[in-house]
C-alpha atoms as a PDB file:
ATOM      1  CA  MET A   1    -109.620-142.153  47.730  1.00  0.00           C
ATOM      2  CA  PRO A   2    -109.541-139.680  44.837  1.00  0.00           C
ATOM      3  CA  MET A   3    -109.912-136.000  45.655  1.00  0.00           C
ATOM      4  CA  ILE A   4    -113.208-135.089  44.053  1.00  0.00           C
ATOM      5  CA  SER A   5    -114.788-131.805  43.148  1.00  0.00           C
ATOM      6  CA  HIS A   6    -118.449-132.627  42.778  1.00  0.00           C
ATOM      7  CA  LYS A   7    -119.080-128.985  41.967  1.00  0.00           C
ATOM      8  CA  TYR A   8    -116.937-129.176  38.828  1.00  0.00           C
ATOM      9  CA  LYS A   9    -117.015-132.961  38.257  1.00  0.00           C
ATOM     10  CA  ILE A  10    -113.265-133.466  38.548  1.00  0.00           C
ATOM     11  CA  ALA A  11    -111.664-136.529  40.134  1.00  0.00           C
ATOM     12  CA  TYR A  12    -107.956-136.398  40.892  1.00  0.00           C
ATOM     13  CA  PHE A  13    -106.290-139.742  41.733  1.00  0.00           C
ATOM     14  CA  PRO A  14    -103.266-139.096  43.982  1.00  0.00           C
ATOM     15  CA  VAL A  15     -99.981-141.001  44.084  1.00  0.00           C
ATOM     16  CA  PRO A  16     -97.701-140.604  47.124  1.00  0.00           C
ATOM     17  CA  LYS A  17     -94.621-138.444  46.478  1.00  0.00           C
ATOM     18  CA  VAL A  18     -96.071-137.006  43.275  1.00  0.00           C
ATOM     19  CA  ALA A  19     -97.141-133.513  44.440  1.00  0.00           C
ATOM     20  CA  CYS A  20     -99.876-135.379  46.281  1.00  0.00           C
ATOM     21  CA  THR A  21    -100.279-133.095  49.308  1.00  0.00           C
ATOM     22  CA  SER A  22    -100.154-129.898  47.252  1.00  0.00           C
ATOM     23  CA  LEU A  23    -102.776-131.170  44.830  1.00  0.00           C
ATOM     24  CA  LYS A  24    -105.078-132.291  47.634  1.00  0.00           C
ATOM     25  CA  HIS A  25    -104.903-128.810  49.167  1.00  0.00           C
ATOM     26  CA  ALA A  26    -105.667-127.218  45.801  1.00  0.00           C
ATOM     27  CA  MET A  27    -108.571-129.593  45.121  1.00  0.00           C
ATOM     28  CA  TYR A  28    -109.999-128.958  48.576  1.00  0.00           C
ATOM     29  CA  ALA A  29    -109.879-125.191  47.988  1.00  0.00           C
ATOM     30  CA  LEU A  30    -111.483-125.608  44.563  1.00  0.00           C
ATOM     31  CA  GLU A  31    -114.415-127.589  45.958  1.00  0.00           C
ATOM     32  CA  ASN A  32    -114.938-125.652  49.201  1.00  0.00           C
ATOM     33  CA  GLY A  33    -113.919-122.114  48.309  1.00  0.00           C
ATOM     34  CA  ILE A  34    -111.528-121.905  51.278  1.00  0.00           C
ATOM     35  CA  GLU A  35    -108.091-123.262  52.071  1.00  0.00           C
ATOM     36  CA  TYR A  36    -107.834-126.409  54.153  1.00  0.00           C
ATOM     37  CA  ALA A  37    -107.257-125.532  57.815  1.00  0.00           C
ATOM     38  CA  PRO A  38    -106.438-128.280  60.336  1.00  0.00           C
ATOM     39  CA  SER A  39    -108.231-126.262  63.011  1.00  0.00           C
ATOM     40  CA  ASN A  40    -111.487-126.897  61.134  1.00  0.00           C
ATOM     41  CA  HIS A  41    -110.839-130.636  61.033  1.00  0.00           C
ATOM     42  CA  GLY A  42    -109.981-131.608  64.587  1.00  0.00           C
ATOM     43  CA  GLY A  43    -106.382-130.464  64.199  1.00  0.00           C
ATOM     44  CA  ARG A  44    -105.729-133.118  61.559  1.00  0.00           C
ATOM     45  CA  LYS A  45    -103.684-132.402  58.470  1.00  0.00           C
ATOM     46  CA  ILE A  46    -105.216-133.027  55.084  1.00  0.00           C
ATOM     47  CA  GLN A  47    -103.681-136.459  54.448  1.00  0.00           C
ATOM     48  CA  PRO A  48    -105.422-138.295  57.337  1.00  0.00           C
ATOM     49  CA  ASN A  49    -108.784-136.836  56.329  1.00  0.00           C
ATOM     50  CA  PHE A  50    -108.280-137.546  52.634  1.00  0.00           C
ATOM     51  CA  PRO A  51    -105.977-140.583  52.564  1.00  0.00           C
ATOM     52  CA  THR A  52    -104.433-141.928  49.391  1.00  0.00           C
ATOM     53  CA  GLN A  53    -105.934-145.359  48.850  1.00  0.00           C
ATOM     54  CA  ASP A  54    -105.412-148.192  46.408  1.00  0.00           C
ATOM     55  CA  PHE A  55    -107.176-147.922  43.069  1.00  0.00           C
ATOM     56  CA  ALA A  56    -108.899-151.243  43.709  1.00  0.00           C
ATOM     57  CA  THR A  57    -110.872-149.731  46.595  1.00  0.00           C
ATOM     58  CA  VAL A  58    -112.384-146.861  44.569  1.00  0.00           C
ATOM     59  CA  ASN A  59    -116.046-146.926  43.540  1.00  0.00           C
ATOM     60  CA  LEU A  60    -115.441-146.146  39.883  1.00  0.00           C
ATOM     61  CA  ALA A  61    -119.121-146.263  38.950  1.00  0.00           C
ATOM     62  CA  ALA A  62    -119.696-143.181  41.102  1.00  0.00           C
ATOM     63  CA  LEU A  63    -117.297-141.239  38.873  1.00  0.00           C
ATOM     64  CA  ASP A  64    -119.105-141.701  35.566  1.00  0.00           C
ATOM     65  CA  GLY A  65    -119.123-138.345  33.786  1.00  0.00           C
ATOM     66  CA  TYR A  66    -116.298-136.936  35.892  1.00  0.00           C
ATOM     67  CA  TRP A  67    -113.075-135.630  34.351  1.00  0.00           C
ATOM     68  CA  LYS A  68    -110.503-138.063  35.743  1.00  0.00           C
ATOM     69  CA  ILE A  69    -106.878-136.972  36.040  1.00  0.00           C
ATOM     70  CA  ALA A  70    -103.608-138.192  37.518  1.00  0.00           C
ATOM     71  CA  VAL A  71    -100.031-136.971  37.847  1.00  0.00           C
ATOM     72  CA  VAL A  72     -96.989-139.192  37.353  1.00  0.00           C
ATOM     73  CA  ARG A  73     -93.309-138.763  38.136  1.00  0.00           C
ATOM     74  CA  ASP A  74     -89.995-140.283  37.169  1.00  0.00           C
ATOM     75  CA  PRO A  75     -89.923-143.496  39.266  1.00  0.00           C
ATOM     76  CA  VAL A  76     -86.315-143.153  40.436  1.00  0.00           C
ATOM     77  CA  SER A  77     -86.912-139.566  41.558  1.00  0.00           C
ATOM     78  CA  ARG A  78     -90.025-140.681  43.429  1.00  0.00           C
ATOM     79  CA  VAL A  79     -88.171-143.366  45.400  1.00  0.00           C
ATOM     80  CA  ILE A  80     -85.389-140.939  46.289  1.00  0.00           C
ATOM     81  CA  SER A  81     -88.009-138.415  47.430  1.00  0.00           C
ATOM     82  CA  ALA A  82     -89.579-141.091  49.643  1.00  0.00           C
ATOM     83  CA  TYR A  83     -86.164-141.750  51.148  1.00  0.00           C
ATOM     84  CA  ALA A  84     -85.584-138.051  51.789  1.00  0.00           C
ATOM     85  CA  THR A  85     -88.899-137.474  53.578  1.00  0.00           C
ATOM     86  CA  LYS A  86     -89.578-140.766  55.377  1.00  0.00           C
ATOM     87  CA  ILE A  87     -86.335-142.489  56.338  1.00  0.00           C
ATOM     88  CA  GLU A  88     -85.625-140.254  59.317  1.00  0.00           C
ATOM     89  CA  LYS A  89     -89.024-141.130  60.815  1.00  0.00           C
ATOM     90  CA  TRP A  90     -88.277-144.809  60.282  1.00  0.00           C
ATOM     91  CA  SER A  91     -84.947-144.431  62.075  1.00  0.00           C
ATOM     92  CA  ASN A  92     -86.581-142.569  64.950  1.00  0.00           C
ATOM     93  CA  ARG A  93     -89.091-145.394  65.320  1.00  0.00           C
ATOM     94  CA  LEU A  94     -86.270-147.925  65.496  1.00  0.00           C
ATOM     95  CA  ALA A  95     -84.551-145.878  68.186  1.00  0.00           C
ATOM     96  CA  LYS A  96     -87.649-146.157  70.390  1.00  0.00           C
ATOM     97  CA  ARG A  97     -87.731-149.946  70.289  1.00  0.00           C
ATOM     98  CA  LYS A  98     -86.842-151.921  73.377  1.00  0.00           C
ATOM     99  CA  PRO A  99     -83.394-153.507  73.212  1.00  0.00           C
ATOM    100  CA  ASP A 100     -84.831-157.015  72.915  1.00  0.00           C
ATOM    101  CA  SER A 101     -86.942-155.975  69.919  1.00  0.00           C
ATOM    102  CA  THR A 102     -84.077-154.533  67.875  1.00  0.00           C
ATOM    103  CA  PRO A 103     -83.954-156.279  64.496  1.00  0.00           C
ATOM    104  CA  GLN A 104     -81.037-158.685  64.219  1.00  0.00           C
ATOM    105  CA  ASP A 105     -80.240-157.755  60.635  1.00  0.00           C
ATOM    106  CA  GLY A 106     -77.411-155.287  60.979  1.00  0.00           C
ATOM    107  CA  THR A 107     -79.659-152.235  61.027  1.00  0.00           C
ATOM    108  CA  PRO A 108     -78.034-149.486  63.141  1.00  0.00           C
ATOM    109  CA  VAL A 109     -80.725-148.441  65.609  1.00  0.00           C
ATOM    110  CA  GLY A 110     -81.678-144.785  65.221  1.00  0.00           C
ATOM    111  CA  THR A 111     -79.166-144.207  62.426  1.00  0.00           C
ATOM    112  CA  PRO A 112     -80.664-143.271  59.070  1.00  0.00           C
ATOM    113  CA  PRO A 113     -79.234-145.381  56.265  1.00  0.00           C
ATOM    114  CA  THR A 114     -77.397-143.756  53.403  1.00  0.00           C
ATOM    115  CA  LEU A 115     -79.131-143.618  50.048  1.00  0.00           C
ATOM    116  CA  ILE A 116     -76.855-146.454  48.922  1.00  0.00           C
ATOM    117  CA  GLU A 117     -77.986-148.630  51.841  1.00  0.00           C
ATOM    118  CA  PHE A 118     -81.616-147.703  51.297  1.00  0.00           C
ATOM    119  CA  CYS A 119     -81.634-148.560  47.598  1.00  0.00           C
ATOM    120  CA  THR A 120     -79.628-151.738  48.045  1.00  0.00           C
ATOM    121  CA  ARG A 121     -81.991-153.013  50.761  1.00  0.00           C
ATOM    122  CA  LEU A 122     -85.241-151.374  49.708  1.00  0.00           C
ATOM    123  CA  PRO A 123     -87.388-154.515  50.242  1.00  0.00           C
ATOM    124  CA  HIS A 124     -86.119-154.624  53.843  1.00  0.00           C
ATOM    125  CA  TYR A 125     -87.062-151.012  54.544  1.00  0.00           C
ATOM    126  CA  ARG A 126     -90.452-151.474  52.867  1.00  0.00           C
ATOM    127  CA  ALA A 127     -91.135-154.470  55.084  1.00  0.00           C
ATOM    128  CA  GLN A 128     -90.057-152.647  58.244  1.00  0.00           C
ATOM    129  CA  PHE A 129     -92.002-149.386  57.915  1.00  0.00           C
ATOM    130  CA  GLY A 130     -95.472-148.939  56.435  1.00  0.00           C
ATOM    131  CA  PRO A 131     -95.020-145.295  55.325  1.00  0.00           C
ATOM    132  CA  ILE A 132     -91.950-146.236  53.287  1.00  0.00           C
ATOM    133  CA  ARG A 133     -93.859-149.103  51.709  1.00  0.00           C
ATOM    134  CA  HIS A 134     -96.854-146.863  50.972  1.00  0.00           C
ATOM    135  CA  HIS A 135     -94.681-144.158  49.424  1.00  0.00           C
ATOM    136  CA  THR A 136     -92.791-146.602  47.207  1.00  0.00           C
ATOM    137  CA  ASP A 137     -95.669-148.837  46.116  1.00  0.00           C
ATOM    138  CA  SER A 138     -96.096-149.057  42.353  1.00  0.00           C
ATOM    139  CA  PHE A 139     -97.949-146.442  40.351  1.00  0.00           C
ATOM    140  CA  ALA A 140    -100.401-149.138  39.275  1.00  0.00           C
ATOM    141  CA  THR A 141    -101.363-149.644  42.930  1.00  0.00           C
ATOM    142  CA  PHE A 142    -102.854-146.135  42.966  1.00  0.00           C
ATOM    143  CA  LEU A 143    -103.769-145.600  39.302  1.00  0.00           C
ATOM    144  CA  GLY A 144    -104.966-149.041  38.281  1.00  0.00           C
ATOM    145  CA  PRO A 145    -103.791-151.420  35.585  1.00  0.00           C
ATOM    146  CA  ASP A 146    -104.427-149.117  32.615  1.00  0.00           C
ATOM    147  CA  LEU A 147    -103.688-145.403  32.391  1.00  0.00           C
ATOM    148  CA  GLY A 148    -106.210-145.263  29.555  1.00  0.00           C
ATOM    149  CA  PHE A 149    -108.839-145.004  32.303  1.00  0.00           C
ATOM    150  CA  PHE A 150    -107.872-141.347  32.777  1.00  0.00           C
ATOM    151  CA  ASP A 151    -108.977-138.422  30.661  1.00  0.00           C
ATOM    152  CA  ARG A 152    -105.579-136.817  31.165  1.00  0.00           C
ATOM    153  CA  VAL A 153    -102.296-137.913  32.746  1.00  0.00           C
ATOM    154  CA  TYR A 154     -99.829-135.135  33.540  1.00  0.00           C
ATOM    155  CA  ARG A 155     -96.122-135.489  34.123  1.00  0.00           C
ATOM    156  CA  MET A 156     -94.731-133.898  37.270  1.00  0.00           C
ATOM    157  CA  GLU A 157     -93.026-131.378  34.995  1.00  0.00           C
ATOM    158  CA  GLU A 158     -96.434-130.343  33.618  1.00  0.00           C
ATOM    159  CA  LEU A 159     -98.051-129.095  36.821  1.00  0.00           C
ATOM    160  CA  ASP A 160     -98.302-125.608  35.360  1.00  0.00           C
ATOM    161  CA  ILE A 161    -100.309-127.040  32.467  1.00  0.00           C
ATOM    162  CA  LEU A 162    -102.553-128.929  34.897  1.00  0.00           C
ATOM    163  CA  CYS A 163    -103.234-125.727  36.837  1.00  0.00           C
ATOM    164  CA  ALA A 164    -104.016-123.823  33.638  1.00  0.00           C
ATOM    165  CA  ASP A 165    -106.345-126.602  32.420  1.00  0.00           C
ATOM    166  CA  ILE A 166    -108.322-126.728  35.665  1.00  0.00           C
ATOM    167  CA  THR A 167    -108.522-122.936  35.800  1.00  0.00           C
ATOM    168  CA  ALA A 168    -109.860-122.873  32.239  1.00  0.00           C
ATOM    169  CA  ARG A 169    -112.275-125.719  32.950  1.00  0.00           C
ATOM    170  CA  THR A 170    -113.731-124.227  36.140  1.00  0.00           C
ATOM    171  CA  GLY A 171    -113.228-120.493  35.769  1.00  0.00           C
ATOM    172  CA  GLN A 172    -111.590-120.554  39.204  1.00  0.00           C
ATOM    173  CA  PRO A 173    -107.889-120.002  39.960  1.00  0.00           C
ATOM    174  CA  PHE A 174    -106.184-123.310  40.690  1.00  0.00           C
ATOM    175  CA  VAL A 175    -102.926-122.724  42.538  1.00  0.00           C
ATOM    176  CA  LEU A 176    -100.666-125.335  44.100  1.00  0.00           C
ATOM    177  CA  PRO A 177     -99.149-124.591  47.511  1.00  0.00           C
ATOM    178  CA  HIS A 178     -95.664-125.995  48.059  1.00  0.00           C
ATOM    179  CA  SER A 179     -96.455-128.714  50.580  1.00  0.00           C
ATOM    180  CA  ASN A 180     -94.263-131.428  52.095  1.00  0.00           C
ATOM    181  CA  PRO A 181     -91.017-130.671  50.223  1.00  0.00           C
ATOM    182  CA  SER A 182     -88.279-133.287  50.184  1.00  0.00           C
ATOM    183  CA  LYS A 183     -85.171-132.628  52.232  1.00  0.00           C
ATOM    184  CA  PRO A 184     -81.812-132.277  50.473  1.00  0.00           C
ATOM    185  CA  VAL A 185     -80.025-135.614  50.625  1.00  0.00           C
ATOM    186  CA  ASP A 186     -76.638-136.976  49.690  1.00  0.00           C
ATOM    187  CA  ARG A 187     -77.301-138.651  46.330  1.00  0.00           C
ATOM    188  CA  THR A 188     -74.040-140.563  46.239  1.00  0.00           C
ATOM    189  CA  MET A 189     -74.630-143.978  44.670  1.00  0.00           C
ATOM    190  CA  ASN A 190     -72.574-146.993  43.635  1.00  0.00           C
ATOM    191  CA  ASP A 191     -73.113-149.613  40.942  1.00  0.00           C
ATOM    192  CA  GLU A 192     -74.861-152.079  43.263  1.00  0.00           C
ATOM    193  CA  ALA A 193     -77.327-149.521  44.613  1.00  0.00           C
ATOM    194  CA  THR A 194     -78.010-148.136  41.140  1.00  0.00           C
ATOM    195  CA  ALA A 195     -78.699-151.587  39.744  1.00  0.00           C
ATOM    196  CA  ALA A 196     -80.994-152.430  42.665  1.00  0.00           C
ATOM    197  CA  LEU A 197     -82.940-149.179  42.307  1.00  0.00           C
ATOM    198  CA  LEU A 198     -83.356-149.530  38.549  1.00  0.00           C
ATOM    199  CA  ALA A 199     -84.483-153.141  38.971  1.00  0.00           C
ATOM    200  CA  TYR A 200     -87.075-152.098  41.546  1.00  0.00           C
ATOM    201  CA  CYS A 201     -88.339-149.260  39.323  1.00  0.00           C
ATOM    202  CA  ALA A 202     -88.370-151.295  36.101  1.00  0.00           C
ATOM    203  CA  PRO A 203     -92.089-152.235  36.331  1.00  0.00           C
ATOM    204  CA  ASP A 204     -93.000-148.586  36.887  1.00  0.00           C
ATOM    205  CA  TYR A 205     -90.954-147.469  33.881  1.00  0.00           C
ATOM    206  CA  GLN A 206     -92.756-150.050  31.779  1.00  0.00           C
ATOM    207  CA  TYR A 207     -96.107-148.847  33.164  1.00  0.00           C
ATOM    208  CA  LEU A 208     -95.176-145.217  32.432  1.00  0.00           C
ATOM    209  CA  CYS A 209     -93.500-145.943  29.088  1.00  0.00           C
ATOM    210  CA  ASN A 210     -95.474-143.177  27.348  1.00  0.00           C
ATOM    211  CA  HIS A 211     -94.299-140.633  29.922  1.00  0.00           C
ATOM    212  CA  TYR A 212     -90.823-141.598  31.193  1.00  0.00           C
ATOM    213  CA  SER A 213     -87.893-143.698  30.009  1.00  0.00           C
ATOM    214  CA  ALA A 214     -85.628-145.625  32.338  1.00  0.00           C
ATOM    215  CA  PRO A 215     -82.196-143.983  32.724  1.00  0.00           C
ATOM    216  CA  ALA A 216     -79.117-145.826  31.572  1.00  0.00           C
ATOM    217  CA  PRO A 217     -77.322-147.632  34.428  1.00  0.00           C
END
């Protein structure tokens, strides 16, 4: 679902691994006048209470007259960020499987794959673990088939401009907390992994052609 401020008629459409958690916290504070506190929501963090859903599930008619915004990110950087924050949880889940349920595909149980392994076999990891799939689904899954739907699309590098625009629009300070940072990872790659990653991200680069260009192999 989009994070909506009915008070100021702003609808922010989140994309996983694109400052999503930070922006949800900031939008919550804008609408409610207080910071999000899990203790006020049954101990649940903000993501379960305000999940990021597919664009196709959104009631767009209810947002007529709202200022609709989104944030996009370089697709390769987004996939690597998903690897850095989610692959350890995937490996821990594998380690808890019973011996007779261990996948017979050469996956070392409980051992996180290298970035090379992850990129080379990304469809496998997406199929095995929902959070990895969710965090590497296409931008169009969350933002719809046409970015022209939005009143403004910001690049990840323009978050300061986004904050200034919302502050000017609402008269309220709009500040992003640093939430859910990616862990440092070994970014060593080889030609096969690079080619696989660029091939996977190619549709997103085409979708975001007015914002990002695909890097040379």
